């Protein structure tokens, strides 16, 4: 999870993502940040996230993001 937090911090360094259960509702990330984050995940993990997967439920917190990555076969450090 350390790597995901590092990616999020690159996008929005002012927030502590370990303290939120809903990044979107808490205003930690907006739609532009989400697209930037998806691109960074794809690049860092060598995966392709489908447009249909880019929904708030998959990016609302660290557990949801981890689940999405594991669903793409990511077994490296998340």
PDB file of N, CA and C in Angstrom:
ATOM      1  N   UNK A   1       0.817  -1.196   0.000  1.00  0.00           N
ATOM      2  CA  UNK A   1       0.000   0.000   0.000  1.00  0.00           C
ATOM      3  C   UNK A   1       0.864   1.266   0.000  1.00  0.00           C
ATOM      4  N   UNK A   2       2.109   1.089   0.389  1.00  0.00           N
ATOM      5  CA  UNK A   2       3.024   2.221   0.450  1.00  0.00           C
ATOM      6  C   UNK A   2       3.175   2.895  -0.913  1.00  0.00           C
ATOM      7  N   UNK A   3       3.266   2.086  -1.967  1.00  0.00           N
ATOM      8  CA  UNK A   3       3.455   2.635  -3.310  1.00  0.00           C
ATOM      9  C   UNK A   3       2.221   3.431  -3.755  1.00  0.00           C
ATOM     10  N   UNK A   4       1.023   2.934  -3.470  1.00  0.00           N
ATOM     11  CA  UNK A   4      -0.208   3.649  -3.819  1.00  0.00           C
ATOM     12  C   UNK A   4      -0.261   4.981  -3.089  1.00  0.00           C
ATOM     13  N   UNK A   5       0.089   4.978  -1.811  1.00  0.00           N
ATOM     14  CA  UNK A   5       0.086   6.223  -1.037  1.00  0.00           C
ATOM     15  C   UNK A   5       1.087   7.216  -1.623  1.00  0.00           C
ATOM     16  N   UNK A   6       2.250   6.725  -2.040  1.00  0.00           N
ATOM     17  CA  UNK A   6       3.250   7.610  -2.651  1.00  0.00           C
ATOM     18  C   UNK A   6       2.716   8.246  -3.935  1.00  0.00           C
ATOM     19  N   UNK A   7       2.017   7.463  -4.742  1.00  0.00           N
ATOM     20  CA  UNK A   7       1.435   7.990  -5.983  1.00  0.00           C
ATOM     21  C   UNK A   7       0.387   9.053  -5.654  1.00  0.00           C
ATOM     22  N   UNK A   8      -0.478   8.760  -4.695  1.00  0.00           N
ATOM     23  CA  UNK A   8      -1.499   9.733  -4.286  1.00  0.00           C
ATOM     24  C   UNK A   8      -0.862  11.016  -3.760  1.00  0.00           C
ATOM     25  N   UNK A   9       0.208  10.877  -2.982  1.00  0.00           N
ATOM     26  CA  UNK A   9       0.897  12.049  -2.420  1.00  0.00           C
ATOM     27  C   UNK A   9       1.546  12.907  -3.507  1.00  0.00           C
ATOM     28  N   UNK A  10       1.964  12.274  -4.613  1.00  0.00           N
ATOM     29  CA  UNK A  10       2.522  13.045  -5.726  1.00  0.00           C
ATOM     30  C   UNK A  10       1.441  13.928  -6.352  1.00  0.00           C
ATOM     31  N   UNK A  11       0.225  13.427  -6.368  1.00  0.00           N
ATOM     32  CA  UNK A  11      -0.880  14.159  -6.969  1.00  0.00           C
ATOM     33  C   UNK A  11      -1.425  15.216  -6.005  1.00  0.00           C
ATOM     34  N   UNK A  12      -1.629  14.841  -4.748  1.00  0.00           N
ATOM     35  CA  UNK A  12      -2.198  15.740  -3.736  1.00  0.00           C
ATOM     36  C   UNK A  12      -1.392  15.641  -2.448  1.00  0.00           C
ATOM     37  N   UNK A  13      -0.227  16.284  -2.392  1.00  0.00           N
ATOM     38  CA  UNK A  13       0.662  16.147  -1.224  1.00  0.00           C
ATOM     39  C   UNK A  13       0.097  16.728   0.078  1.00  0.00           C
ATOM     40  N   UNK A  14      -0.931  17.542  -0.018  1.00  0.00           N
ATOM     41  CA  UNK A  14      -1.464  18.195   1.180  1.00  0.00           C
ATOM     42  C   UNK A  14      -2.357  17.299   2.036  1.00  0.00           C
ATOM     43  N   UNK A  15      -2.689  16.103   1.550  1.00  0.00           N
ATOM     44  CA  UNK A  15      -3.603  15.226   2.278  1.00  0.00           C
ATOM     45  C   UNK A  15      -2.914  13.982   2.825  1.00  0.00           C
ATOM     46  N   UNK A  16      -3.405  13.513   3.973  1.00  0.00           N
ATOM     47  CA  UNK A  16      -2.954  12.254   4.559  1.00  0.00           C
ATOM     48  C   UNK A  16      -3.996  11.195   4.193  1.00  0.00           C
ATOM     49  N   UNK A  17      -3.707  10.430   3.173  1.00  0.00           N
ATOM     50  CA  UNK A  17      -4.666   9.473   2.634  1.00  0.00           C
ATOM     51  C   UNK A  17      -4.943   8.304   3.576  1.00  0.00           C
ATOM     52  N   UNK A  18      -4.126   8.135   4.609  1.00  0.00           N
ATOM     53  CA  UNK A  18      -4.374   7.066   5.573  1.00  0.00           C
ATOM     54  C   UNK A  18      -5.490   7.450   6.551  1.00  0.00           C
ATOM     55  N   UNK A  19      -5.893   8.716   6.550  1.00  0.00           N
ATOM     56  CA  UNK A  19      -6.894   9.196   7.508  1.00  0.00           C
ATOM     57  C   UNK A  19      -8.296   9.295   6.932  1.00  0.00           C
ATOM     58  N   UNK A  20      -8.484   8.923   5.680  1.00  0.00           N
ATOM     59  CA  UNK A  20      -9.797   9.063   5.043  1.00  0.00           C
ATOM     60  C   UNK A  20     -10.343   7.710   4.618  1.00  0.00           C
ATOM     61  N   UNK A  21     -11.636   7.538   4.783  1.00  0.00           N
ATOM     62  CA  UNK A  21     -12.319   6.338   4.310  1.00  0.00           C
ATOM     63  C   UNK A  21     -13.019   6.586   2.978  1.00  0.00           C
ATOM     64  N   UNK A  22     -13.070   7.853   2.544  1.00  0.00           N
ATOM     65  CA  UNK A  22     -13.695   8.172   1.255  1.00  0.00           C
ATOM     66  C   UNK A  22     -13.017   9.411   0.678  1.00  0.00           C
ATOM     67  N   UNK A  23     -11.998   9.164  -0.141  1.00  0.00           N
ATOM     68  CA  UNK A  23     -11.198  10.250  -0.711  1.00  0.00           C
ATOM     69  C   UNK A  23     -12.038  11.243  -1.507  1.00  0.00           C
ATOM     70  N   UNK A  24     -13.036  10.753  -2.195  1.00  0.00           N
ATOM     71  CA  UNK A  24     -13.847  11.615  -3.054  1.00  0.00           C
ATOM     72  C   UNK A  24     -14.792  12.468  -2.215  1.00  0.00           C
ATOM     73  N   UNK A  25     -15.522  11.841  -1.307  1.00  0.00           N
ATOM     74  CA  UNK A  25     -16.456  12.576  -0.447  1.00  0.00           C
ATOM     75  C   UNK A  25     -15.733  13.574   0.448  1.00  0.00           C
ATOM     76  N   UNK A  26     -14.523  13.231   0.883  1.00  0.00           N
ATOM     77  CA  UNK A  26     -13.753  14.123   1.747  1.00  0.00           C
ATOM     78  C   UNK A  26     -13.023  15.217   0.977  1.00  0.00           C
ATOM     79  N   UNK A  27     -13.118  15.188  -0.361  1.00  0.00           N
ATOM     80  CA  UNK A  27     -12.495  16.219  -1.181  1.00  0.00           C
ATOM     81  C   UNK A  27     -11.000  16.038  -1.399  1.00  0.00           C
ATOM     82  N   UNK A  28     -10.503  14.850  -1.140  1.00  0.00           N
ATOM     83  CA  UNK A  28      -9.075  14.597  -1.328  1.00  0.00           C
ATOM     84  C   UNK A  28      -8.707  14.503  -2.799  1.00  0.00           C
ATOM     85  N   UNK A  29      -9.590  13.916  -3.612  1.00  0.00           N
ATOM     86  CA  UNK A  29      -9.343  13.839  -5.047  1.00  0.00           C
ATOM     87  C   UNK A  29     -10.605  14.221  -5.813  1.00  0.00           C
ATOM     88  N   UNK A  30     -10.393  14.880  -6.939  1.00  0.00           N
ATOM     89  CA  UNK A  30     -11.516  15.238  -7.803  1.00  0.00           C
ATOM     90  C   UNK A  30     -11.390  14.436  -9.105  1.00  0.00           C
ATOM     91  N   UNK A  31     -12.250  14.715 -10.057  1.00  0.00           N
ATOM     92  CA  UNK A  31     -12.266  13.921 -11.292  1.00  0.00           C
ATOM     93  C   UNK A  31     -10.954  14.046 -12.070  1.00  0.00           C
ATOM     94  N   UNK A  32     -10.359  15.218 -12.090  1.00  0.00           N
ATOM     95  CA  UNK A  32      -9.081  15.384 -12.786  1.00  0.00           C
ATOM     96  C   UNK A  32      -7.994  14.569 -12.087  1.00  0.00           C
ATOM     97  N   UNK A  33      -7.960  14.650 -10.747  1.00  0.00           N
ATOM     98  CA  UNK A  33      -6.984  13.871  -9.982  1.00  0.00           C
ATOM     99  C   UNK A  33      -7.160  12.381 -10.232  1.00  0.00           C
ATOM    100  N   UNK A  34      -8.397  11.954 -10.352  1.00  0.00           N
ATOM    101  CA  UNK A  34      -8.687  10.534 -10.552  1.00  0.00           C
ATOM    102  C   UNK A  34      -8.098  10.033 -11.872  1.00  0.00           C
ATOM    103  N   UNK A  35      -8.247  10.813 -12.918  1.00  0.00           N
ATOM    104  CA  UNK A  35      -7.690  10.422 -14.216  1.00  0.00           C
ATOM    105  C   UNK A  35      -6.166  10.394 -14.153  1.00  0.00           C
ATOM    106  N   UNK A  36      -5.576  11.365 -13.482  1.00  0.00           N
ATOM    107  CA  UNK A  36      -4.127  11.398 -13.301  1.00  0.00           C
ATOM    108  C   UNK A  36      -3.661  10.179 -12.515  1.00  0.00           C
ATOM    109  N   UNK A  37      -4.418   9.836 -11.487  1.00  0.00           N
ATOM    110  CA  UNK A  37      -4.096   8.686 -10.647  1.00  0.00           C
ATOM    111  C   UNK A  37      -4.200   7.377 -11.421  1.00  0.00           C
ATOM    112  N   UNK A  38      -5.245   7.228 -12.208  1.00  0.00           N
ATOM    113  CA  UNK A  38      -5.419   6.023 -13.026  1.00  0.00           C
ATOM    114  C   UNK A  38      -4.232   5.865 -13.977  1.00  0.00           C
ATOM    115  N   UNK A  39      -3.840   6.943 -14.629  1.00  0.00           N
ATOM    116  CA  UNK A  39      -2.695   6.893 -15.549  1.00  0.00           C
ATOM    117  C   UNK A  39      -1.422   6.485 -14.810  1.00  0.00           C
ATOM    118  N   UNK A  40      -1.234   7.004 -13.608  1.00  0.00           N
ATOM    119  CA  UNK A  40      -0.047   6.658 -12.816  1.00  0.00           C
ATOM    120  C   UNK A  40      -0.075   5.193 -12.393  1.00  0.00           C
ATOM    121  N   UNK A  41      -1.247   4.688 -12.006  1.00  0.00           N
ATOM    122  CA  UNK A  41      -1.358   3.269 -11.645  1.00  0.00           C
ATOM    123  C   UNK A  41      -1.040   2.382 -12.840  1.00  0.00           C
ATOM    124  N   UNK A  42      -1.589   2.733 -14.001  1.00  0.00           N
ATOM    125  CA  UNK A  42      -1.337   1.945 -15.207  1.00  0.00           C
ATOM    126  C   UNK A  42       0.153   1.909 -15.529  1.00  0.00           C
ATOM    127  N   UNK A  43       0.803   3.042 -15.417  1.00  0.00           N
ATOM    128  CA  UNK A  43       2.231   3.129 -15.722  1.00  0.00           C
ATOM    129  C   UNK A  43       3.066   2.352 -14.695  1.00  0.00           C
ATOM    130  N   UNK A  44       2.778   2.563 -13.417  1.00  0.00           N
ATOM    131  CA  UNK A  44       3.575   1.944 -12.360  1.00  0.00           C
ATOM    132  C   UNK A  44       3.401   0.435 -12.274  1.00  0.00           C
ATOM    133  N   UNK A  45       2.218  -0.049 -12.559  1.00  0.00           N
ATOM    134  CA  UNK A  45       1.938  -1.475 -12.405  1.00  0.00           C
ATOM    135  C   UNK A  45       1.823  -2.220 -13.733  1.00  0.00           C
ATOM    136  N   UNK A  46       1.937  -1.515 -14.856  1.00  0.00           N
ATOM    137  CA  UNK A  46       1.869  -2.164 -16.161  1.00  0.00           C
ATOM    138  C   UNK A  46       0.522  -2.810 -16.433  1.00  0.00           C
ATOM    139  N   UNK A  47      -0.545  -2.129 -16.027  1.00  0.00           N
ATOM    140  CA  UNK A  47      -1.897  -2.654 -16.217  1.00  0.00           C
ATOM    141  C   UNK A  47      -2.711  -1.682 -17.058  1.00  0.00           C
ATOM    142  N   UNK A  48      -3.879  -2.122 -17.478  1.00  0.00           N
ATOM    143  CA  UNK A  48      -4.822  -1.265 -18.198  1.00  0.00           C
ATOM    144  C   UNK A  48      -6.150  -1.306 -17.450  1.00  0.00           C
ATOM    145  N   UNK A  49      -6.561  -0.167 -16.935  1.00  0.00           N
ATOM    146  CA  UNK A  49      -7.822  -0.058 -16.206  1.00  0.00           C
ATOM    147  C   UNK A  49      -8.892   0.379 -17.196  1.00  0.00           C
ATOM    148  N   UNK A  50      -9.935  -0.425 -17.310  1.00  0.00           N
ATOM    149  CA  UNK A  50     -11.019  -0.130 -18.245  1.00  0.00           C
ATOM    150  C   UNK A  50     -11.820   1.083 -17.776  1.00  0.00           C
ATOM    151  N   UNK A  51     -12.383   1.782 -18.735  1.00  0.00           N
ATOM    152  CA  UNK A  51     -13.223   2.939 -18.422  1.00  0.00           C
ATOM    153  C   UNK A  51     -14.371   2.591 -17.506  1.00  0.00           C
ATOM    154  N   UNK A  52     -14.913   1.390 -17.668  1.00  0.00           N
ATOM    155  CA  UNK A  52     -16.032   0.965 -16.827  1.00  0.00           C
ATOM    156  C   UNK A  52     -15.614   0.736 -15.371  1.00  0.00           C
ATOM    157  N   UNK A  53     -14.306   0.630 -15.144  1.00  0.00           N
ATOM    158  CA  UNK A  53     -13.792   0.442 -13.779  1.00  0.00           C
ATOM    159  C   UNK A  53     -13.501   1.768 -13.086  1.00  0.00           C
ATOM    160  N   UNK A  54     -13.526   2.843 -13.844  1.00  0.00           N
ATOM    161  CA  UNK A  54     -13.213   4.150 -13.269  1.00  0.00           C
ATOM    162  C   UNK A  54     -14.497   4.739 -12.681  1.00  0.00           C
ATOM    163  N   UNK A  55     -14.834   4.210 -11.516  1.00  0.00           N
ATOM    164  CA  UNK A  55     -16.020   4.627 -10.774  1.00  0.00           C
ATOM    165  C   UNK A  55     -15.591   4.919  -9.336  1.00  0.00           C
ATOM    166  N   UNK A  56     -16.316   5.791  -8.652  1.00  0.00           N
ATOM    167  CA  UNK A  56     -15.924   6.170  -7.287  1.00  0.00           C
ATOM    168  C   UNK A  56     -15.692   4.980  -6.349  1.00  0.00           C
ATOM    169  N   UNK A  57     -16.492   3.934  -6.481  1.00  0.00           N
ATOM    170  CA  UNK A  57     -16.358   2.782  -5.579  1.00  0.00           C
ATOM    171  C   UNK A  57     -14.983   2.128  -5.643  1.00  0.00           C
ATOM    172  N   UNK A  58     -14.317   2.218  -6.785  1.00  0.00           N
ATOM    173  CA  UNK A  58     -13.001   1.589  -6.940  1.00  0.00           C
ATOM    174  C   UNK A  58     -11.846   2.475  -6.478  1.00  0.00           C
ATOM    175  N   UNK A  59     -12.139   3.729  -6.152  1.00  0.00           N
ATOM    176  CA  UNK A  59     -11.072   4.663  -5.800  1.00  0.00           C
ATOM    177  C   UNK A  59     -11.367   5.469  -4.536  1.00  0.00           C
ATOM    178  N   UNK A  60     -12.363   5.046  -3.776  1.00  0.00           N
ATOM    179  CA  UNK A  60     -12.786   5.848  -2.619  1.00  0.00           C
ATOM    180  C   UNK A  60     -11.847   5.735  -1.425  1.00  0.00           C
ATOM    181  N   UNK A  61     -11.092   4.645  -1.332  1.00  0.00           N
ATOM    182  CA  UNK A  61     -10.158   4.498  -0.216  1.00  0.00           C
ATOM    183  C   UNK A  61      -9.072   3.486  -0.588  1.00  0.00           C
ATOM    184  N   UNK A  62      -8.131   3.306   0.322  1.00  0.00           N
ATOM    185  CA  UNK A  62      -6.992   2.432   0.034  1.00  0.00           C
ATOM    186  C   UNK A  62      -7.416   0.978  -0.164  1.00  0.00           C
ATOM    187  N   UNK A  63      -8.390   0.515   0.594  1.00  0.00           N
ATOM    188  CA  UNK A  63      -8.854  -0.872   0.451  1.00  0.00           C
ATOM    189  C   UNK A  63      -9.466  -1.099  -0.927  1.00  0.00           C
ATOM    190  N   UNK A  64     -10.255  -0.154  -1.406  1.00  0.00           N
ATOM    191  CA  UNK A  64     -10.876  -0.283  -2.722  1.00  0.00           C
ATOM    192  C   UNK A  64      -9.822  -0.284  -3.830  1.00  0.00           C
ATOM    193  N   UNK A  65      -8.842   0.583  -3.714  1.00  0.00           N
ATOM    194  CA  UNK A  65      -7.768   0.656  -4.719  1.00  0.00           C
ATOM    195  C   UNK A  65      -6.954  -0.636  -4.713  1.00  0.00           C
ATOM    196  N   UNK A  66      -6.649  -1.144  -3.525  1.00  0.00           N
ATOM    197  CA  UNK A  66      -5.912  -2.401  -3.411  1.00  0.00           C
ATOM    198  C   UNK A  66      -6.697  -3.533  -4.060  1.00  0.00           C
ATOM    199  N   UNK A  67      -7.993  -3.578  -3.823  1.00  0.00           N
ATOM    200  CA  UNK A  67      -8.838  -4.602  -4.439  1.00  0.00           C
ATOM    201  C   UNK A  67      -8.827  -4.523  -5.954  1.00  0.00           C
ATOM    202  N   UNK A  68      -8.905  -3.306  -6.484  1.00  0.00           N
ATOM    203  CA  UNK A  68      -8.860  -3.107  -7.928  1.00  0.00           C
ATOM    204  C   UNK A  68      -7.539  -3.612  -8.500  1.00  0.00           C
ATOM    205  N   UNK A  69      -6.444  -3.262  -7.853  1.00  0.00           N
ATOM    206  CA  UNK A  69      -5.131  -3.686  -8.333  1.00  0.00           C
ATOM    207  C   UNK A  69      -4.975  -5.203  -8.272  1.00  0.00           C
ATOM    208  N   UNK A  70      -5.431  -5.793  -7.188  1.00  0.00           N
ATOM    209  CA  UNK A  70      -5.347  -7.258  -7.073  1.00  0.00           C
ATOM    210  C   UNK A  70      -6.200  -7.929  -8.143  1.00  0.00           C
ATOM    211  N   UNK A  71      -7.324  -7.310  -8.495  1.00  0.00           N
ATOM    212  CA  UNK A  71      -8.164  -7.828  -9.562  1.00  0.00           C
ATOM    213  C   UNK A  71      -7.487  -7.807 -10.924  1.00  0.00           C
ATOM    214  N   UNK A  72      -6.458  -6.967 -11.040  1.00  0.00           N
ATOM    215  CA  UNK A  72      -5.664  -6.894 -12.260  1.00  0.00           C
ATOM    216  C   UNK A  72      -4.402  -7.735 -12.162  1.00  0.00           C
ATOM    217  N   UNK A  73      -4.334  -8.547 -11.121  1.00  0.00           N
ATOM    218  CA  UNK A  73      -3.204  -9.449 -10.975  1.00  0.00           C
ATOM    219  C   UNK A  73      -1.950  -8.833 -10.374  1.00  0.00           C
ATOM    220  N   UNK A  74      -2.075  -7.647  -9.794  1.00  0.00           N
ATOM    221  CA  UNK A  74      -0.915  -7.003  -9.192  1.00  0.00           C
ATOM    222  C   UNK A  74      -0.584  -7.724  -7.897  1.00  0.00           C
ATOM    223  N   UNK A  75       0.593  -8.273  -7.843  1.00  0.00           N
ATOM    224  CA  UNK A  75       1.052  -8.967  -6.640  1.00  0.00           C
ATOM    225  C   UNK A  75       2.298  -8.315  -6.069  1.00  0.00           C
ATOM    226  N   UNK A  76       2.807  -7.314  -6.767  1.00  0.00           N
ATOM    227  CA  UNK A  76       3.967  -6.569  -6.280  1.00  0.00           C
ATOM    228  C   UNK A  76       3.549  -5.765  -5.066  1.00  0.00           C
ATOM    229  N   UNK A  77       4.483  -4.995  -4.573  1.00  0.00           N
ATOM    230  CA  UNK A  77       4.177  -4.083  -3.472  1.00  0.00           C
ATOM    231  C   UNK A  77       3.112  -3.094  -3.929  1.00  0.00           C
ATOM    232  N   UNK A  78       2.015  -3.078  -3.220  1.00  0.00           N
ATOM    233  CA  UNK A  78       0.934  -2.155  -3.531  1.00  0.00           C
ATOM    234  C   UNK A  78       1.084  -1.014  -2.582  1.00  0.00           C
TER     235      UNK A  78
END
